[in-house]
Amino acid sequence: MRANEINELLRTILLTGLSTRSIADVNVKMAYQPTQQGIDLSPTIYFTELGSRPYGALTREDKWNLTDLEEVHTEEQIYEITYQINALVIEDPTANPGLSASDLVKIAQRIINSDVGRQNFRTAGLSLLRPTEIRNPYFKDDRDQFEASPSFDFTLIQTEAEVTTSPVVETIVININRI
């Protein structure tokens, strides 16, 4: 799967999980978009790919395809792709408190780690490693108020393969030349 396909799958898993829990009016977006659109005023769950690293050695395998008379060369590499989930909920101490950013991150963690979430990843050819603990640092926002920025990381395992073929040698021309 390509990175954008994984992002769309992750967004779909989170939106479906929120819907089955009857949680509405929560946005799910990829963080660090290439456009400037300002802060989301409604509760939002963000996700971003932190990085990927190859795991183990690149495997190489050659097999003969006798029906097409060609050699099939396959190279496979396992990758660990780390994502981060965080949330932002602008809190108003004078209003009726709803879900906090920390609540949304906990729910997102349960959605991803659920049997349904794991099955969705597995169907797409990905494996999920255990999500990490939830961190909850605070920052000062543009209104000079403190906001929570809870987050957790999780890792997906993916095997990428490249397959090339080489035709069989049909003729050999031998030349003997003087030096």
N, C-alpha and C. Protein backbone atom coordinates (compact mmCIF):
# COMPACT_ATOMS: atom_id res chain seq x y z
N MET A 1 0.84 -1.19 0.00
CA MET A 1 0.00 0.00 0.00
C MET A 1 0.88 1.25 0.00
N ARG A 2 0.43 2.23 -0.69
CA ARG A 2 1.11 3.52 -0.71
C ARG A 2 0.69 4.33 0.52
N ALA A 3 1.47 5.36 0.84
CA ALA A 3 1.24 6.17 2.04
C ALA A 3 -0.15 6.80 2.04
N ASN A 4 -0.58 7.34 0.90
CA ASN A 4 -1.91 7.96 0.85
C ASN A 4 -3.03 6.94 1.04
N GLU A 5 -2.83 5.72 0.58
CA GLU A 5 -3.82 4.67 0.78
C GLU A 5 -3.91 4.29 2.26
N ILE A 6 -2.76 4.23 2.93
CA ILE A 6 -2.75 3.93 4.36
C ILE A 6 -3.44 5.07 5.13
N ASN A 7 -3.15 6.32 4.74
CA ASN A 7 -3.79 7.47 5.40
C ASN A 7 -5.31 7.40 5.25
N GLU A 8 -5.78 7.08 4.06
CA GLU A 8 -7.23 6.99 3.84
C GLU A 8 -7.84 5.84 4.64
N LEU A 9 -7.13 4.71 4.70
CA LEU A 9 -7.61 3.58 5.49
C LEU A 9 -7.70 3.96 6.97
N LEU A 10 -6.67 4.60 7.49
CA LEU A 10 -6.65 5.01 8.89
C LEU A 10 -7.80 5.98 9.19
N ARG A 11 -8.01 6.94 8.31
CA ARG A 11 -9.10 7.90 8.49
C ARG A 11 -10.45 7.18 8.48
N THR A 12 -10.63 6.23 7.57
CA THR A 12 -11.88 5.48 7.48
C THR A 12 -12.10 4.66 8.75
N ILE A 13 -11.05 4.01 9.25
CA ILE A 13 -11.17 3.21 10.48
C ILE A 13 -11.61 4.10 11.64
N LEU A 14 -10.98 5.27 11.77
CA LEU A 14 -11.32 6.18 12.87
C LEU A 14 -12.75 6.72 12.73
N LEU A 15 -13.14 7.14 11.53
CA LEU A 15 -14.50 7.67 11.33
C LEU A 15 -15.56 6.61 11.58
N THR A 16 -15.30 5.39 11.12
CA THR A 16 -16.25 4.29 11.34
C THR A 16 -16.35 3.97 12.82
N GLY A 17 -15.22 3.95 13.51
CA GLY A 17 -15.22 3.67 14.95
C GLY A 17 -15.96 4.74 15.74
N LEU A 18 -15.78 5.99 15.37
CA LEU A 18 -16.51 7.08 16.03
C LEU A 18 -18.01 6.93 15.78
N SER A 19 -18.37 6.59 14.56
CA SER A 19 -19.78 6.45 14.20
C SER A 19 -20.44 5.31 14.98
N THR A 20 -19.76 4.18 15.11
CA THR A 20 -20.34 3.05 15.85
C THR A 20 -20.46 3.35 17.34
N ARG A 21 -19.70 4.32 17.81
CA ARG A 21 -19.79 4.73 19.22
C ARG A 21 -20.72 5.93 19.40
N SER A 22 -21.43 6.28 18.32
CA SER A 22 -22.40 7.40 18.34
C SER A 22 -21.74 8.72 18.73
N ILE A 23 -20.53 8.92 18.25
CA ILE A 23 -19.82 10.18 18.49
C ILE A 23 -19.85 10.96 17.19
N ALA A 24 -20.57 12.06 17.19
CA ALA A 24 -20.71 12.88 15.98
C ALA A 24 -19.95 14.19 16.15
N ASP A 25 -19.85 14.93 15.10
CA ASP A 25 -19.24 16.26 15.10
C ASP A 25 -17.77 16.24 15.52
N VAL A 26 -17.06 15.17 15.20
CA VAL A 26 -15.63 15.11 15.44
C VAL A 26 -14.95 14.93 14.08
N ASN A 27 -14.07 15.85 13.73
CA ASN A 27 -13.33 15.75 12.48
C ASN A 27 -12.17 14.78 12.64
N VAL A 28 -11.80 14.12 11.56
CA VAL A 28 -10.61 13.28 11.52
C VAL A 28 -9.81 13.76 10.32
N LYS A 29 -8.60 14.28 10.59
CA LYS A 29 -7.80 14.87 9.52
C LYS A 29 -6.34 14.46 9.64
N MET A 30 -5.67 14.50 8.51
CA MET A 30 -4.23 14.33 8.52
C MET A 30 -3.61 15.64 9.01
N ALA A 31 -2.70 15.53 9.95
CA ALA A 31 -2.03 16.72 10.48
C ALA A 31 -1.03 17.24 9.46
N TYR A 32 -0.63 18.48 9.64
CA TYR A 32 0.40 19.09 8.81
C TYR A 32 0.02 19.06 7.33
N GLN A 33 -1.18 19.55 7.05
CA GLN A 33 -1.66 19.65 5.67
C GLN A 33 -0.81 20.65 4.89
N PRO A 34 -0.76 20.52 3.58
CA PRO A 34 0.05 21.45 2.79
C PRO A 34 -0.62 22.82 2.59
N THR A 35 -1.74 23.05 3.22
CA THR A 35 -2.42 24.34 3.11
C THR A 35 -2.61 24.95 4.48
N GLN A 36 -2.71 26.25 4.54
CA GLN A 36 -2.97 26.96 5.80
C GLN A 36 -4.46 27.25 5.89
N GLN A 37 -5.14 26.62 6.84
CA GLN A 37 -6.58 26.82 6.95
C GLN A 37 -6.99 27.26 8.34
N GLY A 38 -6.06 27.51 9.20
CA GLY A 38 -6.39 27.94 10.55
C GLY A 38 -6.75 26.77 11.44
N ILE A 39 -7.05 27.09 12.68
CA ILE A 39 -7.34 26.07 13.68
C ILE A 39 -8.78 25.57 13.53
N ASP A 40 -8.98 24.28 13.78
CA ASP A 40 -10.33 23.72 13.76
C ASP A 40 -11.04 24.10 15.04
N LEU A 41 -12.23 24.65 14.92
CA LEU A 41 -12.99 25.04 16.10
C LEU A 41 -13.77 23.86 16.68
N SER A 42 -14.08 22.88 15.86
CA SER A 42 -14.77 21.70 16.37
C SER A 42 -13.73 20.66 16.79
N PRO A 43 -14.10 19.73 17.67
CA PRO A 43 -13.15 18.70 18.11
C PRO A 43 -12.58 17.94 16.91
N THR A 44 -11.27 17.73 16.94
CA THR A 44 -10.61 17.10 15.80
C THR A 44 -9.56 16.10 16.27
N ILE A 45 -9.55 14.96 15.60
CA ILE A 45 -8.50 13.96 15.77
C ILE A 45 -7.57 14.09 14.58
N TYR A 46 -6.28 14.22 14.85
CA TYR A 46 -5.27 14.35 13.80
C TYR A 46 -4.40 13.10 13.79
N PHE A 47 -3.93 12.75 12.62
CA PHE A 47 -2.95 11.66 12.50
C PHE A 47 -1.85 12.10 11.55
N THR A 48 -0.67 11.58 11.78
CA THR A 48 0.46 11.88 10.90
C THR A 48 1.45 10.72 10.93
N GLU A 49 2.09 10.50 9.79
CA GLU A 49 3.13 9.49 9.72
C GLU A 49 4.42 10.11 10.24
N LEU A 50 5.00 9.49 11.25
CA LEU A 50 6.25 9.99 11.82
C LEU A 50 7.46 9.50 11.05
N GLY A 51 7.35 8.33 10.46
CA GLY A 51 8.47 7.80 9.69
C GLY A 51 8.34 6.31 9.47
N SER A 52 9.19 5.79 8.63
CA SER A 52 9.21 4.35 8.40
C SER A 52 10.66 3.90 8.36
N ARG A 53 10.85 2.67 8.79
CA ARG A 53 12.21 2.15 8.77
C ARG A 53 12.18 0.70 8.30
N PRO A 54 13.17 0.32 7.52
CA PRO A 54 13.23 -1.07 7.08
C PRO A 54 13.55 -1.97 8.26
N TYR A 55 12.94 -3.13 8.29
CA TYR A 55 13.16 -4.10 9.35
C TYR A 55 13.79 -5.33 8.72
N GLY A 56 14.94 -5.71 9.23
CA GLY A 56 15.62 -6.89 8.68
C GLY A 56 16.28 -6.58 7.35
N ALA A 57 16.66 -7.64 6.69
CA ALA A 57 17.38 -7.50 5.42
C ALA A 57 16.41 -7.65 4.25
N LEU A 58 16.80 -7.07 3.14
CA LEU A 58 16.05 -7.22 1.90
C LEU A 58 16.19 -8.67 1.45
N THR A 59 15.07 -9.33 1.18
CA THR A 59 15.13 -10.71 0.71
C THR A 59 15.01 -10.74 -0.80
N ARG A 60 15.77 -11.64 -1.40
CA ARG A 60 15.77 -11.78 -2.85
C ARG A 60 15.48 -13.23 -3.19
N GLU A 61 14.62 -13.43 -4.20
CA GLU A 61 14.27 -14.79 -4.60
C GLU A 61 14.11 -14.83 -6.11
N ASP A 62 14.66 -15.86 -6.72
CA ASP A 62 14.51 -16.06 -8.16
C ASP A 62 13.80 -17.38 -8.41
N LYS A 63 12.80 -17.35 -9.29
CA LYS A 63 12.07 -18.56 -9.67
C LYS A 63 11.88 -18.55 -11.17
N TRP A 64 11.84 -19.75 -11.75
CA TRP A 64 11.59 -19.85 -13.17
C TRP A 64 10.11 -20.05 -13.41
N ASN A 65 9.57 -19.25 -14.32
CA ASN A 65 8.19 -19.41 -14.77
C ASN A 65 8.28 -20.15 -16.09
N LEU A 66 7.99 -21.45 -16.07
CA LEU A 66 8.17 -22.28 -17.26
C LEU A 66 7.10 -22.02 -18.31
N THR A 67 5.93 -21.57 -17.91
CA THR A 67 4.89 -21.32 -18.90
C THR A 67 5.21 -20.11 -19.77
N ASP A 68 5.79 -19.05 -19.17
CA ASP A 68 6.13 -17.85 -19.93
C ASP A 68 7.61 -17.81 -20.30
N LEU A 69 8.36 -18.83 -19.91
CA LEU A 69 9.79 -18.92 -20.17
C LEU A 69 10.52 -17.64 -19.76
N GLU A 70 10.41 -17.33 -18.48
CA GLU A 70 11.12 -16.17 -17.95
C GLU A 70 11.49 -16.41 -16.50
N GLU A 71 12.49 -15.68 -16.06
CA GLU A 71 12.89 -15.74 -14.66
C GLU A 71 12.16 -14.62 -13.92
N VAL A 72 11.58 -14.96 -12.77
CA VAL A 72 10.87 -13.98 -11.95
C VAL A 72 11.75 -13.68 -10.74
N HIS A 73 12.16 -12.42 -10.61
CA HIS A 73 13.02 -11.98 -9.51
C HIS A 73 12.18 -11.13 -8.56
N THR A 74 12.13 -11.53 -7.29
CA THR A 74 11.32 -10.83 -6.30
C THR A 74 12.22 -10.34 -5.18
N GLU A 75 12.06 -9.05 -4.84
CA GLU A 75 12.76 -8.46 -3.70
C GLU A 75 11.71 -7.95 -2.73
N GLU A 76 11.80 -8.39 -1.47
CA GLU A 76 10.84 -7.98 -0.44
C GLU A 76 11.54 -7.31 0.72
N GLN A 77 10.91 -6.27 1.25
CA GLN A 77 11.42 -5.57 2.42
C GLN A 77 10.26 -5.32 3.38
N ILE A 78 10.49 -5.62 4.64
CA ILE A 78 9.49 -5.33 5.68
C ILE A 78 9.77 -3.93 6.21
N TYR A 79 8.71 -3.14 6.37
CA TYR A 79 8.83 -1.79 6.90
C TYR A 79 7.98 -1.64 8.15
N GLU A 80 8.51 -0.91 9.12
CA GLU A 80 7.75 -0.48 10.29
C GLU A 80 7.40 0.98 10.06
N ILE A 81 6.11 1.28 9.97
CA ILE A 81 5.63 2.63 9.70
C ILE A 81 4.99 3.16 10.98
N THR A 82 5.56 4.22 11.54
CA THR A 82 5.08 4.76 12.81
C THR A 82 4.18 5.97 12.57
N TYR A 83 3.01 5.93 13.18
CA TYR A 83 2.04 7.02 13.11
C TYR A 83 1.84 7.62 14.49
N GLN A 84 1.40 8.87 14.51
CA GLN A 84 1.02 9.52 15.75
C GLN A 84 -0.41 10.02 15.61
N ILE A 85 -1.18 9.80 16.66
CA ILE A 85 -2.55 10.31 16.74
C ILE A 85 -2.57 11.35 17.84
N ASN A 86 -3.14 12.52 17.56
CA ASN A 86 -3.37 13.50 18.62
C ASN A 86 -4.71 14.16 18.38
N ALA A 87 -5.15 14.96 19.32
CA ALA A 87 -6.46 15.60 19.20
C ALA A 87 -6.39 17.01 19.75
N LEU A 88 -7.32 17.82 19.28
CA LEU A 88 -7.44 19.18 19.77
C LEU A 88 -8.92 19.47 19.99
N VAL A 89 -9.22 19.85 21.20
CA VAL A 89 -10.57 20.29 21.57
C VAL A 89 -10.40 21.61 22.30
N ILE A 90 -10.94 22.66 21.74
CA ILE A 90 -10.85 23.96 22.40
C ILE A 90 -11.81 23.94 23.58
N GLU A 91 -11.24 24.07 24.76
CA GLU A 91 -12.04 23.96 25.98
C GLU A 91 -12.47 25.34 26.47
N ASP A 92 -13.70 25.39 26.89
CA ASP A 92 -14.26 26.61 27.46
C ASP A 92 -14.75 26.26 28.86
N PRO A 93 -14.09 26.75 29.90
CA PRO A 93 -14.46 26.37 31.26
C PRO A 93 -15.87 26.82 31.65
N THR A 94 -16.43 27.78 30.93
CA THR A 94 -17.78 28.25 31.28
C THR A 94 -18.86 27.44 30.59
N ALA A 95 -18.51 26.63 29.60
CA ALA A 95 -19.50 25.86 28.86
C ALA A 95 -19.64 24.46 29.45
N ASN A 96 -20.70 23.77 29.03
CA ASN A 96 -20.92 22.39 29.44
C ASN A 96 -19.83 21.53 28.84
N PRO A 97 -19.02 20.88 29.66
CA PRO A 97 -17.90 20.11 29.10
C PRO A 97 -18.40 18.87 28.36
N GLY A 98 -17.86 18.68 27.16
CA GLY A 98 -18.13 17.48 26.39
C GLY A 98 -16.90 16.59 26.45
N LEU A 99 -16.57 16.01 25.33
CA LEU A 99 -15.36 15.20 25.27
C LEU A 99 -14.13 16.10 25.25
N SER A 100 -13.14 15.75 26.03
CA SER A 100 -11.89 16.51 26.02
C SER A 100 -10.97 15.92 24.96
N ALA A 101 -9.87 16.59 24.68
CA ALA A 101 -8.89 16.07 23.73
C ALA A 101 -8.34 14.73 24.22
N SER A 102 -8.11 14.62 25.50
CA SER A 102 -7.62 13.36 26.07
C SER A 102 -8.64 12.24 25.87
N ASP A 103 -9.94 12.56 26.05
CA ASP A 103 -10.99 11.56 25.82
C ASP A 103 -10.96 11.07 24.37
N LEU A 104 -10.82 12.01 23.43
CA LEU A 104 -10.80 11.64 22.01
C LEU A 104 -9.61 10.76 21.67
N VAL A 105 -8.46 11.06 22.25
CA VAL A 105 -7.27 10.25 21.97
C VAL A 105 -7.44 8.84 22.54
N LYS A 106 -8.01 8.73 23.73
CA LYS A 106 -8.26 7.40 24.31
C LYS A 106 -9.23 6.60 23.44
N ILE A 107 -10.26 7.26 22.95
CA ILE A 107 -11.23 6.58 22.07
C ILE A 107 -10.54 6.15 20.78
N ALA A 108 -9.72 7.03 20.20
CA ALA A 108 -9.00 6.69 18.97
C ALA A 108 -8.08 5.50 19.20
N GLN A 109 -7.43 5.46 20.34
CA GLN A 109 -6.54 4.33 20.66
C GLN A 109 -7.34 3.03 20.74
N ARG A 110 -8.51 3.08 21.37
CA ARG A 110 -9.35 1.88 21.47
C ARG A 110 -9.87 1.45 20.10
N ILE A 111 -10.20 2.42 19.24
CA ILE A 111 -10.69 2.09 17.89
C ILE A 111 -9.59 1.38 17.10
N ILE A 112 -8.39 1.92 17.13
CA ILE A 112 -7.28 1.33 16.36
C ILE A 112 -6.90 -0.03 16.90
N ASN A 113 -6.93 -0.21 18.21
CA ASN A 113 -6.51 -1.45 18.84
C ASN A 113 -7.63 -2.48 18.93
N SER A 114 -8.84 -2.11 18.52
CA SER A 114 -9.98 -3.03 18.60
C SER A 114 -9.84 -4.17 17.60
N ASP A 115 -10.63 -5.21 17.80
CA ASP A 115 -10.62 -6.33 16.86
C ASP A 115 -11.02 -5.88 15.46
N VAL A 116 -12.00 -4.98 15.37
CA VAL A 116 -12.44 -4.48 14.07
C VAL A 116 -11.33 -3.68 13.41
N GLY A 117 -10.67 -2.80 14.17
CA GLY A 117 -9.57 -2.02 13.62
C GLY A 117 -8.44 -2.90 13.13
N ARG A 118 -8.05 -3.88 13.94
CA ARG A 118 -6.97 -4.79 13.55
C ARG A 118 -7.34 -5.59 12.31
N GLN A 119 -8.61 -6.03 12.23
CA GLN A 119 -9.05 -6.79 11.06
C GLN A 119 -9.01 -5.93 9.80
N ASN A 120 -9.39 -4.65 9.91
CA ASN A 120 -9.31 -3.75 8.76
C ASN A 120 -7.87 -3.57 8.28
N PHE A 121 -6.95 -3.44 9.22
CA PHE A 121 -5.54 -3.35 8.84
C PHE A 121 -5.07 -4.66 8.20
N ARG A 122 -5.45 -5.78 8.80
CA ARG A 122 -5.02 -7.10 8.30
C ARG A 122 -5.54 -7.33 6.88
N THR A 123 -6.80 -6.95 6.63
CA THR A 123 -7.39 -7.10 5.30
C THR A 123 -6.60 -6.31 4.26
N ALA A 124 -6.05 -5.18 4.66
CA ALA A 124 -5.26 -4.34 3.76
C ALA A 124 -3.80 -4.78 3.68
N GLY A 125 -3.44 -5.86 4.36
CA GLY A 125 -2.07 -6.36 4.30
C GLY A 125 -1.13 -5.72 5.30
N LEU A 126 -1.68 -5.11 6.34
CA LEU A 126 -0.87 -4.45 7.37
C LEU A 126 -1.06 -5.16 8.70
N SER A 127 -0.05 -5.11 9.54
CA SER A 127 -0.16 -5.64 10.90
C SER A 127 0.05 -4.49 11.87
N LEU A 128 -0.63 -4.54 12.99
CA LEU A 128 -0.57 -3.47 13.98
C LEU A 128 0.21 -3.93 15.20
N LEU A 129 1.18 -3.11 15.60
CA LEU A 129 1.86 -3.33 16.86
C LEU A 129 1.14 -2.56 17.96
N ARG A 130 1.36 -2.93 19.18
CA ARG A 130 0.67 -2.31 20.31
C ARG A 130 0.91 -0.81 20.35
N PRO A 131 -0.19 -0.04 20.47
CA PRO A 131 -0.01 1.42 20.61
C PRO A 131 0.71 1.77 21.91
N THR A 132 1.41 2.89 21.91
CA THR A 132 2.15 3.32 23.08
C THR A 132 1.23 4.01 24.09
N GLU A 133 1.81 4.44 25.20
CA GLU A 133 1.05 5.16 26.22
C GLU A 133 0.61 6.52 25.67
N ILE A 134 -0.38 7.09 26.31
CA ILE A 134 -0.88 8.40 25.90
C ILE A 134 -0.13 9.48 26.67
N ARG A 135 0.47 10.40 25.92
CA ARG A 135 1.15 11.55 26.52
C ARG A 135 0.15 12.70 26.53
N ASN A 136 0.26 13.62 27.49
CA ASN A 136 -0.68 14.72 27.56
C ASN A 136 0.00 16.04 27.93
N PRO A 137 0.89 16.53 27.07
CA PRO A 137 1.52 17.83 27.36
C PRO A 137 0.55 18.97 27.06
N TYR A 138 0.87 20.12 27.61
CA TYR A 138 0.06 21.32 27.37
C TYR A 138 0.90 22.34 26.62
N PHE A 139 0.22 23.21 25.89
CA PHE A 139 0.88 24.30 25.18
C PHE A 139 0.01 25.55 25.32
N LYS A 140 0.61 26.68 25.07
CA LYS A 140 -0.11 27.95 25.12
C LYS A 140 -0.59 28.28 23.72
N ASP A 141 -1.90 28.45 23.55
CA ASP A 141 -2.45 28.67 22.22
C ASP A 141 -2.40 30.13 21.81
N ASP A 142 -3.00 30.43 20.66
CA ASP A 142 -2.96 31.79 20.12
C ASP A 142 -3.81 32.78 20.92
N ARG A 143 -4.63 32.29 21.84
CA ARG A 143 -5.43 33.16 22.71
C ARG A 143 -4.79 33.28 24.09
N ASP A 144 -3.56 32.81 24.20
CA ASP A 144 -2.80 32.87 25.45
C ASP A 144 -3.41 32.01 26.56
N GLN A 145 -4.07 30.92 26.15
CA GLN A 145 -4.64 29.97 27.09
C GLN A 145 -3.95 28.63 26.90
N PHE A 146 -3.92 27.84 27.97
CA PHE A 146 -3.31 26.52 27.89
C PHE A 146 -4.30 25.53 27.28
N GLU A 147 -3.79 24.73 26.35
CA GLU A 147 -4.58 23.68 25.71
C GLU A 147 -3.82 22.36 25.84
N ALA A 148 -4.57 21.28 26.01
CA ALA A 148 -3.96 19.95 26.07
C ALA A 148 -3.65 19.47 24.66
N SER A 149 -2.58 18.73 24.55
CA SER A 149 -2.20 18.13 23.27
C SER A 149 -1.85 16.66 23.46
N PRO A 150 -2.85 15.84 23.82
CA PRO A 150 -2.57 14.42 24.06
C PRO A 150 -2.26 13.69 22.75
N SER A 151 -1.42 12.66 22.86
CA SER A 151 -1.06 11.89 21.66
C SER A 151 -0.55 10.52 22.06
N PHE A 152 -0.55 9.63 21.08
CA PHE A 152 0.09 8.32 21.23
C PHE A 152 0.61 7.92 19.86
N ASP A 153 1.52 6.96 19.86
CA ASP A 153 2.10 6.45 18.62
C ASP A 153 1.69 5.00 18.46
N PHE A 154 1.66 4.55 17.23
CA PHE A 154 1.49 3.13 16.95
C PHE A 154 2.25 2.81 15.68
N THR A 155 2.57 1.54 15.51
CA THR A 155 3.39 1.12 14.38
C THR A 155 2.64 0.08 13.56
N LEU A 156 2.67 0.28 12.25
CA LEU A 156 2.12 -0.69 11.31
C LEU A 156 3.28 -1.42 10.64
N ILE A 157 3.10 -2.71 10.38
CA ILE A 157 4.10 -3.51 9.69
C ILE A 157 3.58 -3.79 8.28
N GLN A 158 4.43 -3.50 7.30
CA GLN A 158 4.04 -3.71 5.91
C GLN A 158 5.19 -4.36 5.16
N THR A 159 4.87 -5.30 4.29
CA THR A 159 5.87 -5.90 3.42
C THR A 159 5.67 -5.35 2.02
N GLU A 160 6.72 -4.74 1.49
CA GLU A 160 6.68 -4.23 0.12
C GLU A 160 7.51 -5.14 -0.76
N ALA A 161 7.01 -5.43 -1.94
CA ALA A 161 7.69 -6.32 -2.87
C ALA A 161 7.82 -5.67 -4.23
N GLU A 162 8.96 -5.91 -4.86
CA GLU A 162 9.18 -5.51 -6.25
C GLU A 162 9.48 -6.76 -7.04
N VAL A 163 8.76 -6.93 -8.14
CA VAL A 163 8.91 -8.11 -8.98
C VAL A 163 9.36 -7.68 -10.37
N THR A 164 10.43 -8.27 -10.84
CA THR A 164 10.90 -8.02 -12.20
C THR A 164 11.07 -9.36 -12.90
N THR A 165 11.00 -9.33 -14.22
CA THR A 165 11.15 -10.56 -14.98
C THR A 165 12.28 -10.39 -15.99
N SER A 166 12.92 -11.51 -16.30
CA SER A 166 13.98 -11.55 -17.30
C SER A 166 13.64 -12.67 -18.28
N PRO A 167 13.63 -12.37 -19.57
CA PRO A 167 13.32 -13.43 -20.53
C PRO A 167 14.46 -14.45 -20.61
N VAL A 168 14.13 -15.62 -21.10
CA VAL A 168 15.11 -16.68 -21.27
C VAL A 168 16.01 -16.33 -22.45
N VAL A 169 17.28 -16.71 -22.36
CA VAL A 169 18.20 -16.51 -23.47
C VAL A 169 17.81 -17.47 -24.59
N GLU A 170 17.56 -16.91 -25.78
CA GLU A 170 17.12 -17.75 -26.88
C GLU A 170 18.26 -18.13 -27.82
N THR A 171 19.18 -17.22 -28.03
CA THR A 171 20.31 -17.52 -28.92
C THR A 171 21.60 -17.00 -28.29
N ILE A 172 22.67 -17.68 -28.63
CA ILE A 172 23.99 -17.25 -28.19
C ILE A 172 24.86 -17.14 -29.44
N VAL A 173 25.52 -16.01 -29.59
CA VAL A 173 26.42 -15.81 -30.72
C VAL A 173 27.84 -15.78 -30.15
N ILE A 174 28.67 -16.68 -30.63
CA ILE A 174 30.04 -16.74 -30.15
C ILE A 174 30.95 -16.11 -31.19
N ASN A 175 31.71 -15.15 -30.78
CA ASN A 175 32.69 -14.50 -31.65
C ASN A 175 34.08 -14.72 -31.07
N ILE A 176 35.00 -15.16 -31.92
CA ILE A 176 36.38 -15.27 -31.51
C ILE A 176 37.14 -14.18 -32.25
N ASN A 177 37.70 -13.27 -31.50
CA ASN A 177 38.38 -12.13 -32.08
C ASN A 177 39.84 -12.11 -31.67
N ARG A 178 40.67 -11.54 -32.56
CA ARG A 178 42.09 -11.39 -32.26
C ARG A 178 42.29 -10.21 -31.34
N ILE A 179 43.31 -10.29 -30.58
CA ILE A 179 43.65 -9.18 -29.70
C ILE A 179 44.85 -8.46 -30.28
